[in-house]
N, C-alpha and C. Protein backbone atom coordinates (compact mmCIF):
# COMPACT_ATOMS: atom_id res chain seq x y z
N UNK A 1 134.00 155.47 129.85
CA UNK A 1 133.76 156.77 130.34
C UNK A 1 134.84 157.39 130.97
N UNK A 2 135.81 156.60 131.61
CA UNK A 2 137.08 157.13 132.27
C UNK A 2 137.99 157.76 131.29
N UNK A 3 138.03 157.01 130.07
CA UNK A 3 138.85 157.52 129.03
C UNK A 3 138.29 158.92 128.41
N UNK A 4 137.08 159.05 128.29
CA UNK A 4 136.37 160.31 127.73
C UNK A 4 136.79 161.27 128.82
N UNK A 5 136.56 161.15 130.13
CA UNK A 5 136.75 162.04 131.20
C UNK A 5 138.38 162.49 131.14
N UNK A 6 139.10 161.56 130.92
CA UNK A 6 140.67 161.90 130.95
C UNK A 6 140.94 162.79 129.77
N UNK A 7 140.60 162.41 128.66
CA UNK A 7 140.68 163.18 127.29
C UNK A 7 140.08 164.46 127.30
N UNK A 8 139.00 164.62 128.20
CA UNK A 8 138.36 165.96 128.15
C UNK A 8 138.90 166.82 129.25
N UNK A 9 139.74 166.24 130.14
CA UNK A 9 140.31 166.98 131.22
C UNK A 9 139.42 167.31 132.33
N UNK A 10 138.26 166.58 132.49
CA UNK A 10 137.49 166.68 133.70
C UNK A 10 137.46 165.38 134.44
N UNK A 11 136.84 165.61 135.72
CA UNK A 11 136.70 164.47 136.48
C UNK A 11 135.66 163.53 136.01
N UNK A 12 135.79 162.26 136.41
CA UNK A 12 134.69 161.32 136.08
C UNK A 12 133.35 161.70 136.66
N UNK A 13 133.34 162.21 137.89
CA UNK A 13 132.08 162.73 138.49
C UNK A 13 131.43 163.79 137.76
N UNK A 14 132.17 164.81 137.14
CA UNK A 14 131.62 165.77 136.40
C UNK A 14 131.05 165.36 135.14
N UNK A 15 131.75 164.32 134.43
CA UNK A 15 131.25 163.80 133.35
C UNK A 15 130.04 163.03 133.45
N UNK A 16 129.88 162.36 134.60
CA UNK A 16 128.58 161.52 134.84
C UNK A 16 127.40 162.55 135.18
N UNK A 17 127.69 163.92 135.53
CA UNK A 17 126.78 164.75 135.89
C UNK A 17 125.99 165.19 134.62
N UNK A 18 126.66 165.22 133.52
CA UNK A 18 126.13 165.58 132.22
C UNK A 18 125.80 164.33 131.30
N UNK A 19 126.57 163.21 131.42
CA UNK A 19 126.22 162.10 130.60
C UNK A 19 126.37 160.74 131.62
N UNK A 20 125.17 160.23 131.81
CA UNK A 20 125.15 159.22 132.77
C UNK A 20 125.81 157.90 132.10
N UNK A 21 125.77 157.80 130.80
CA UNK A 21 126.49 156.64 130.18
C UNK A 21 126.99 157.01 128.82
N UNK A 22 127.45 155.99 128.09
CA UNK A 22 128.11 156.26 126.88
C UNK A 22 127.02 156.48 125.83
N UNK A 23 125.84 155.90 125.93
CA UNK A 23 124.81 156.21 125.22
C UNK A 23 124.35 157.62 125.05
N UNK A 24 124.40 158.30 126.20
CA UNK A 24 124.14 159.71 126.33
C UNK A 24 125.14 160.54 125.65
N UNK A 25 126.38 160.10 125.56
CA UNK A 25 127.32 160.81 124.89
C UNK A 25 127.10 160.73 123.38
N UNK A 26 126.81 159.40 123.00
CA UNK A 26 126.63 159.27 121.46
C UNK A 26 125.35 159.96 121.09
N UNK A 27 124.33 160.07 121.88
CA UNK A 27 123.15 160.71 121.60
C UNK A 27 123.40 162.39 121.42
N UNK A 28 124.16 162.84 122.17
CA UNK A 28 124.53 164.23 122.16
C UNK A 28 125.31 164.54 120.94
N UNK A 29 126.25 163.68 120.66
CA UNK A 29 127.00 164.00 119.38
C UNK A 29 126.26 163.71 118.06
N UNK A 30 125.45 162.77 118.18
CA UNK A 30 124.41 162.58 117.03
C UNK A 30 123.46 163.72 116.87
N UNK A 31 122.95 164.29 117.96
CA UNK A 31 122.04 165.48 117.88
C UNK A 31 122.88 166.67 117.22
N UNK A 32 123.96 166.78 117.64
CA UNK A 32 124.84 167.83 117.06
C UNK A 32 124.92 167.70 115.48
N UNK A 33 125.36 166.57 115.18
CA UNK A 33 125.52 166.21 113.66
C UNK A 33 124.12 166.32 112.98
N UNK A 34 123.03 166.02 113.60
CA UNK A 34 121.81 166.03 112.98
C UNK A 34 121.48 167.55 112.84
N UNK A 35 121.64 168.30 113.79
CA UNK A 35 121.25 169.64 113.66
C UNK A 35 122.07 170.43 112.46
N UNK A 36 123.35 170.22 112.52
CA UNK A 36 124.22 170.57 111.40
C UNK A 36 123.71 170.23 109.99
N UNK A 37 123.38 168.91 109.85
CA UNK A 37 122.83 168.25 108.82
C UNK A 37 121.60 168.93 108.28
N UNK A 38 120.64 169.14 109.25
CA UNK A 38 119.43 169.81 108.86
C UNK A 38 119.57 171.27 108.31
N UNK A 39 120.42 171.93 108.92
CA UNK A 39 120.73 173.30 108.75
C UNK A 39 121.45 173.45 107.20
N UNK A 40 122.26 172.49 106.88
CA UNK A 40 123.03 172.55 105.79
C UNK A 40 121.99 172.09 104.49
N UNK A 41 121.09 171.22 104.72
CA UNK A 41 120.16 170.79 103.83
C UNK A 41 119.15 172.04 103.57
N UNK A 42 118.58 172.57 104.60
CA UNK A 42 117.68 173.76 104.62
C UNK A 42 118.27 174.87 103.95
N UNK A 43 119.46 175.12 104.01
CA UNK A 43 120.18 176.23 103.40
C UNK A 43 120.46 175.97 101.96
N UNK A 44 120.83 174.79 101.65
CA UNK A 44 121.06 174.58 100.18
C UNK A 44 119.79 174.50 99.43
N UNK A 45 118.66 174.05 99.95
CA UNK A 45 117.57 173.94 99.23
C UNK A 45 116.56 175.14 99.25
N UNK A 46 116.83 176.15 100.08
CA UNK A 46 115.93 177.23 100.38
C UNK A 46 115.59 178.09 99.15
N UNK A 47 116.72 178.19 98.30
CA UNK A 47 116.49 179.09 97.24
C UNK A 47 116.43 178.29 95.83
N UNK A 48 116.16 177.09 95.91
CA UNK A 48 116.17 176.16 94.75
C UNK A 48 114.78 176.48 94.09
N UNK A 49 114.68 176.85 92.80
CA UNK A 49 113.55 177.31 91.89
C UNK A 49 113.17 176.32 90.85
N UNK A 50 114.15 175.50 90.47
CA UNK A 50 113.89 174.54 89.31
C UNK A 50 114.35 173.08 89.75
N UNK A 51 113.89 172.16 89.03
CA UNK A 51 114.37 170.75 89.13
C UNK A 51 115.87 170.73 88.98
N UNK A 52 116.37 171.32 87.82
CA UNK A 52 117.70 171.32 87.50
C UNK A 52 118.57 171.98 88.83
N UNK A 53 118.10 173.04 89.33
CA UNK A 53 118.82 173.65 90.50
C UNK A 53 118.68 172.74 91.69
N UNK A 54 117.52 171.93 91.81
CA UNK A 54 117.52 170.92 92.81
C UNK A 54 118.46 169.91 92.64
N UNK A 55 118.59 169.30 91.52
CA UNK A 55 119.61 168.17 91.14
C UNK A 55 121.06 168.61 91.57
N UNK A 56 121.39 169.92 91.17
CA UNK A 56 122.71 170.44 91.32
C UNK A 56 122.90 170.56 92.88
N UNK A 57 121.98 171.10 93.59
CA UNK A 57 122.03 171.26 95.18
C UNK A 57 122.09 169.98 95.90
N UNK A 58 121.35 169.06 95.41
CA UNK A 58 121.19 167.76 96.06
C UNK A 58 122.60 167.02 95.86
N UNK A 59 123.11 167.06 94.68
CA UNK A 59 124.34 166.53 94.30
C UNK A 59 125.45 167.09 95.26
N UNK A 60 125.52 168.44 95.25
CA UNK A 60 126.47 169.02 96.21
C UNK A 60 126.36 168.77 97.61
N UNK A 61 125.13 168.48 98.07
CA UNK A 61 124.85 168.04 99.41
C UNK A 61 125.50 166.70 99.74
N UNK A 62 125.23 165.93 98.67
CA UNK A 62 125.94 164.56 98.85
C UNK A 62 127.51 164.50 98.86
N UNK A 63 128.11 165.53 98.11
CA UNK A 63 129.51 165.47 98.14
C UNK A 63 129.96 166.24 99.49
N UNK A 64 129.18 167.25 100.08
CA UNK A 64 129.48 167.75 101.40
C UNK A 64 129.51 166.59 102.36
N UNK A 65 128.42 165.83 102.42
CA UNK A 65 128.27 164.77 103.43
C UNK A 65 129.24 163.75 103.22
N UNK A 66 129.76 163.43 102.11
CA UNK A 66 130.88 162.37 101.89
C UNK A 66 132.05 162.99 102.40
N UNK A 67 132.39 164.24 102.07
CA UNK A 67 133.77 164.89 102.62
C UNK A 67 133.54 164.93 104.17
N UNK A 68 132.46 165.22 104.70
CA UNK A 68 132.33 165.31 106.24
C UNK A 68 132.61 163.80 106.74
N UNK A 69 132.12 162.92 106.13
CA UNK A 69 132.42 161.39 106.74
C UNK A 69 133.89 161.11 106.51
N UNK A 70 134.44 161.52 105.49
CA UNK A 70 135.83 161.14 105.28
C UNK A 70 136.81 161.99 106.25
N UNK A 71 136.25 163.36 106.53
CA UNK A 71 137.03 164.16 107.23
C UNK A 71 136.95 164.03 108.81
N UNK A 72 135.97 163.57 109.22
CA UNK A 72 135.66 163.53 110.60
C UNK A 72 135.30 162.06 111.09
N UNK A 73 136.52 161.36 111.37
CA UNK A 73 136.37 159.92 111.87
C UNK A 73 135.44 159.78 113.06
N UNK A 74 135.24 160.69 113.76
CA UNK A 74 134.40 160.53 114.89
C UNK A 74 133.04 160.37 114.49
N UNK A 75 132.64 160.81 113.38
CA UNK A 75 131.18 160.62 112.79
C UNK A 75 131.00 159.28 112.64
N UNK A 76 132.06 158.42 112.04
CA UNK A 76 131.90 157.12 111.86
C UNK A 76 131.48 156.45 113.12
N UNK A 77 132.22 156.69 114.18
CA UNK A 77 131.84 156.11 115.30
C UNK A 77 130.49 156.34 115.89
N UNK A 78 130.17 157.67 115.83
CA UNK A 78 128.88 158.07 116.31
C UNK A 78 127.74 157.30 115.60
N UNK A 79 127.87 157.13 114.21
CA UNK A 79 127.00 156.39 113.48
C UNK A 79 126.89 154.82 113.72
N UNK A 80 128.12 154.32 114.02
CA UNK A 80 128.12 153.11 114.35
C UNK A 80 127.42 152.75 115.68
N UNK A 81 127.64 153.76 116.63
CA UNK A 81 126.99 153.60 117.97
C UNK A 81 125.43 153.74 117.80
N UNK A 82 124.92 154.57 116.93
CA UNK A 82 123.52 154.71 116.80
C UNK A 82 122.91 153.49 116.22
N UNK A 83 123.58 152.61 115.48
CA UNK A 83 123.04 151.47 114.90
C UNK A 83 122.79 150.36 115.93
N UNK A 84 123.67 150.47 117.01
CA UNK A 84 123.73 149.34 117.87
C UNK A 84 122.77 149.43 119.09
N UNK A 85 122.02 150.49 119.07
CA UNK A 85 121.05 150.71 120.21
C UNK A 85 119.63 151.33 119.72
N UNK A 86 118.65 150.58 120.13
CA UNK A 86 117.38 150.84 119.68
C UNK A 86 116.96 152.33 119.86
N UNK A 87 117.29 152.86 120.94
CA UNK A 87 116.73 154.26 121.26
C UNK A 87 117.49 155.17 120.32
N UNK A 88 118.87 155.00 120.10
CA UNK A 88 119.67 155.76 119.20
C UNK A 88 119.35 155.56 117.74
N UNK A 89 118.90 154.30 117.43
CA UNK A 89 118.51 153.97 116.05
C UNK A 89 117.16 154.86 115.79
N UNK A 90 116.32 154.98 116.80
CA UNK A 90 115.08 155.67 116.66
C UNK A 90 115.38 157.19 116.27
N UNK A 91 116.52 157.73 116.93
CA UNK A 91 116.80 158.96 116.77
C UNK A 91 117.38 159.19 115.39
N UNK A 92 117.99 158.26 114.96
CA UNK A 92 118.64 158.24 113.58
C UNK A 92 117.39 158.24 112.47
N UNK A 93 116.57 157.32 112.73
CA UNK A 93 115.37 157.45 111.72
C UNK A 93 114.59 158.73 111.80
N UNK A 94 114.41 159.26 112.91
CA UNK A 94 113.78 160.67 113.04
C UNK A 94 114.56 161.64 112.20
N UNK A 95 115.83 161.71 112.34
CA UNK A 95 116.68 162.53 111.49
C UNK A 95 116.62 162.24 110.02
N UNK A 96 116.54 161.07 109.55
CA UNK A 96 116.27 160.68 108.23
C UNK A 96 114.96 161.24 107.73
N UNK A 97 113.94 161.14 108.57
CA UNK A 97 112.75 161.55 108.23
C UNK A 97 112.63 163.00 108.18
N UNK A 98 113.20 163.82 109.16
CA UNK A 98 113.20 165.19 109.12
C UNK A 98 113.97 165.71 107.85
N UNK A 99 115.03 165.13 107.54
CA UNK A 99 115.79 165.55 106.31
C UNK A 99 115.13 165.32 105.13
N UNK A 100 114.48 164.15 105.10
CA UNK A 100 113.56 163.70 103.94
C UNK A 100 112.41 164.72 103.84
N UNK A 101 111.97 165.20 104.99
CA UNK A 101 110.67 166.26 104.98
C UNK A 101 111.46 167.53 104.13
N UNK A 102 112.54 168.08 104.51
CA UNK A 102 113.11 169.10 103.83
C UNK A 102 113.21 168.90 102.36
N UNK A 103 113.63 167.80 101.94
CA UNK A 103 113.79 167.50 100.45
C UNK A 103 112.28 167.31 99.85
N UNK A 104 111.55 166.63 100.55
CA UNK A 104 110.04 166.34 100.01
C UNK A 104 109.25 167.84 99.87
N UNK A 105 109.60 168.67 100.77
CA UNK A 105 108.84 170.04 100.76
C UNK A 105 109.37 170.70 99.66
N UNK A 106 110.63 170.67 99.42
CA UNK A 106 111.29 171.42 98.26
C UNK A 106 110.76 170.83 96.96
N UNK A 107 110.74 169.51 96.79
CA UNK A 107 110.11 168.76 95.61
C UNK A 107 108.64 169.26 95.29
N UNK A 108 107.92 169.16 96.35
CA UNK A 108 106.41 169.58 96.42
C UNK A 108 106.23 170.83 95.83
N UNK A 109 107.05 171.81 96.22
CA UNK A 109 107.11 173.30 95.73
C UNK A 109 107.42 173.33 94.15
N UNK A 110 108.44 172.39 93.87
CA UNK A 110 108.92 172.41 92.47
C UNK A 110 107.90 171.67 91.53
N UNK A 111 107.30 170.55 92.07
CA UNK A 111 106.38 169.74 91.32
C UNK A 111 105.03 169.70 92.10
N UNK A 112 104.26 170.74 91.79
CA UNK A 112 102.93 170.85 92.62
C UNK A 112 102.01 169.86 92.35
N UNK A 113 101.97 169.14 91.21
CA UNK A 113 101.02 168.17 90.83
C UNK A 113 101.42 166.76 91.39
N UNK A 114 102.68 166.65 92.01
CA UNK A 114 103.14 165.36 92.40
C UNK A 114 102.41 164.94 93.79
N UNK A 115 102.27 163.70 94.02
CA UNK A 115 101.61 163.17 95.13
C UNK A 115 102.58 163.38 96.35
N UNK A 116 102.20 164.23 97.21
CA UNK A 116 102.97 164.81 98.48
C UNK A 116 103.36 163.66 99.42
N UNK A 117 102.56 162.51 99.59
CA UNK A 117 102.82 161.51 100.45
C UNK A 117 103.83 160.66 99.77
N UNK A 118 103.75 160.37 98.45
CA UNK A 118 104.76 159.60 97.74
C UNK A 118 106.13 160.24 97.87
N UNK A 119 106.08 161.69 97.72
CA UNK A 119 107.33 162.33 97.82
C UNK A 119 108.04 162.21 99.20
N UNK A 120 107.19 162.40 100.15
CA UNK A 120 107.77 162.12 101.49
C UNK A 120 108.38 160.79 101.79
N UNK A 121 107.63 159.75 101.12
CA UNK A 121 108.17 158.44 101.35
C UNK A 121 109.55 158.27 100.61
N UNK A 122 109.51 158.66 99.31
CA UNK A 122 110.81 158.50 98.64
C UNK A 122 111.91 159.31 99.14
N UNK A 123 111.67 160.55 99.65
CA UNK A 123 112.69 161.40 100.18
C UNK A 123 113.19 160.74 101.51
N UNK A 124 112.26 160.23 102.32
CA UNK A 124 112.77 159.54 103.61
C UNK A 124 113.70 158.39 103.26
N UNK A 125 113.43 157.56 102.37
CA UNK A 125 114.12 156.45 101.94
C UNK A 125 115.38 156.93 101.40
N UNK A 126 115.36 157.91 100.50
CA UNK A 126 116.64 158.29 99.80
C UNK A 126 117.52 158.87 100.98
N UNK A 127 117.02 159.53 102.01
CA UNK A 127 117.92 160.05 102.99
C UNK A 127 118.43 159.10 103.86
N UNK A 128 117.71 158.07 104.27
CA UNK A 128 117.98 156.99 104.97
C UNK A 128 119.21 156.07 104.34
N UNK A 129 118.96 155.88 103.10
CA UNK A 129 119.96 155.20 102.22
C UNK A 129 121.28 155.92 102.07
N UNK A 130 121.11 157.28 102.18
CA UNK A 130 122.37 158.06 102.02
C UNK A 130 123.24 157.89 103.10
N UNK A 131 122.67 157.75 104.39
CA UNK A 131 123.60 157.53 105.50
C UNK A 131 124.18 156.19 105.39
N UNK A 132 123.45 155.05 104.92
CA UNK A 132 124.07 153.77 104.76
C UNK A 132 125.14 153.85 103.65
N UNK A 133 124.79 154.65 102.54
CA UNK A 133 125.74 154.76 101.54
C UNK A 133 127.06 155.32 101.94
N UNK A 134 127.05 156.50 102.77
CA UNK A 134 128.16 157.02 103.25
C UNK A 134 129.11 156.04 104.27
N UNK A 135 128.37 155.32 104.98
CA UNK A 135 129.06 154.39 105.90
C UNK A 135 129.80 153.31 104.96
N UNK A 136 129.15 152.75 103.96
CA UNK A 136 129.79 151.75 103.09
C UNK A 136 130.93 152.48 102.32
N UNK A 137 130.70 153.70 101.79
CA UNK A 137 131.63 154.34 100.89
C UNK A 137 133.01 154.56 101.70
N UNK A 138 132.98 154.87 102.97
CA UNK A 138 134.23 155.00 103.75
C UNK A 138 134.82 153.81 104.18
N UNK A 139 134.09 152.68 104.02
CA UNK A 139 134.70 151.36 104.50
C UNK A 139 135.52 150.67 103.41
N UNK A 140 135.42 151.15 102.18
CA UNK A 140 135.99 150.48 101.08
C UNK A 140 137.13 151.33 100.59
N UNK A 141 137.90 151.02 99.45
CA UNK A 141 138.95 151.79 99.07
C UNK A 141 138.38 153.10 98.54
N UNK A 142 139.28 154.09 98.47
CA UNK A 142 138.73 155.43 98.08
C UNK A 142 138.15 155.39 96.67
N UNK A 143 138.72 154.70 95.87
CA UNK A 143 138.21 154.60 94.41
C UNK A 143 136.82 154.12 94.41
N UNK A 144 136.62 152.86 95.08
CA UNK A 144 135.32 152.17 95.16
C UNK A 144 134.40 153.18 95.96
N UNK A 145 134.84 153.72 96.97
CA UNK A 145 134.08 154.70 97.65
C UNK A 145 133.42 155.85 96.82
N UNK A 146 134.27 156.36 96.00
CA UNK A 146 133.83 157.31 94.99
C UNK A 146 132.81 156.89 94.05
N UNK A 147 132.92 155.67 93.59
CA UNK A 147 131.99 154.99 92.66
C UNK A 147 130.66 154.81 93.37
N UNK A 148 130.73 154.30 94.52
CA UNK A 148 129.41 154.04 95.30
C UNK A 148 128.72 155.48 95.56
N UNK A 149 129.34 156.46 95.90
CA UNK A 149 128.80 157.76 96.16
C UNK A 149 128.05 158.21 94.70
N UNK A 150 128.76 158.19 93.63
CA UNK A 150 128.32 158.60 92.34
C UNK A 150 127.12 157.90 92.06
N UNK A 151 127.06 156.44 92.22
CA UNK A 151 125.91 155.66 91.86
C UNK A 151 124.79 156.01 92.70
N UNK A 152 125.07 156.34 94.05
CA UNK A 152 123.99 156.75 94.98
C UNK A 152 123.25 157.98 94.43
N UNK A 153 124.28 158.92 94.12
CA UNK A 153 123.64 160.28 93.52
C UNK A 153 122.76 160.07 92.35
N UNK A 154 123.24 159.25 91.33
CA UNK A 154 122.27 159.03 90.18
C UNK A 154 120.93 158.46 90.56
N UNK A 155 121.13 157.29 91.35
CA UNK A 155 119.94 156.69 91.72
C UNK A 155 118.97 157.49 92.48
N UNK A 156 119.45 158.33 93.60
CA UNK A 156 118.68 159.16 94.40
C UNK A 156 117.97 160.27 93.53
N UNK A 157 118.80 160.86 92.65
CA UNK A 157 118.20 161.83 91.85
C UNK A 157 117.08 161.41 90.85
N UNK A 158 117.36 160.24 90.31
CA UNK A 158 116.38 159.68 89.38
C UNK A 158 115.11 159.44 90.27
N UNK A 159 115.26 158.88 91.36
CA UNK A 159 114.04 158.59 92.19
C UNK A 159 113.39 159.78 92.62
N UNK A 160 113.95 160.62 92.99
CA UNK A 160 113.49 161.91 93.72
C UNK A 160 112.78 162.76 92.66
N UNK A 161 113.31 162.86 91.46
CA UNK A 161 112.76 163.86 90.55
C UNK A 161 111.94 163.10 89.43
N UNK A 162 111.70 161.84 89.52
CA UNK A 162 110.73 161.25 88.68
C UNK A 162 109.24 161.56 88.96
N UNK A 163 108.41 161.61 88.07
CA UNK A 163 106.94 162.05 88.33
C UNK A 163 106.13 160.88 88.59
């Protein structure tokens, strides 16, 4: 906490007024990333009208997410921190579910005969696995990371768009 206060240029007392511990800082950063993620997904899927458009938009979202992980090392630390704490892990799961709901709602609109509960379950799983995929992809060589992301895209799209 003293290092965070020093780097922020504020007193340790001021920092503790807003963040009582390191978990509170990680939670605030995770919330910020989650809000950005939901907005990005919502915007990308809002005008999708066909399954082909969905496939393209979803693939582009995966690329954006991968570049975000590569470009912002702090995200790696935030996600590592969320995995180590039960309360923060619950927040992460909620985020995966909310993002999955955005995907499932889009798919339900495009495939009205599909089982909505099954769509929600598949989308939740795909979004949760997406986070794990990104953590893995940035932990290996760039070449292997790229192959992992491409494999995830194919698997996710096949599962999400199957009837």
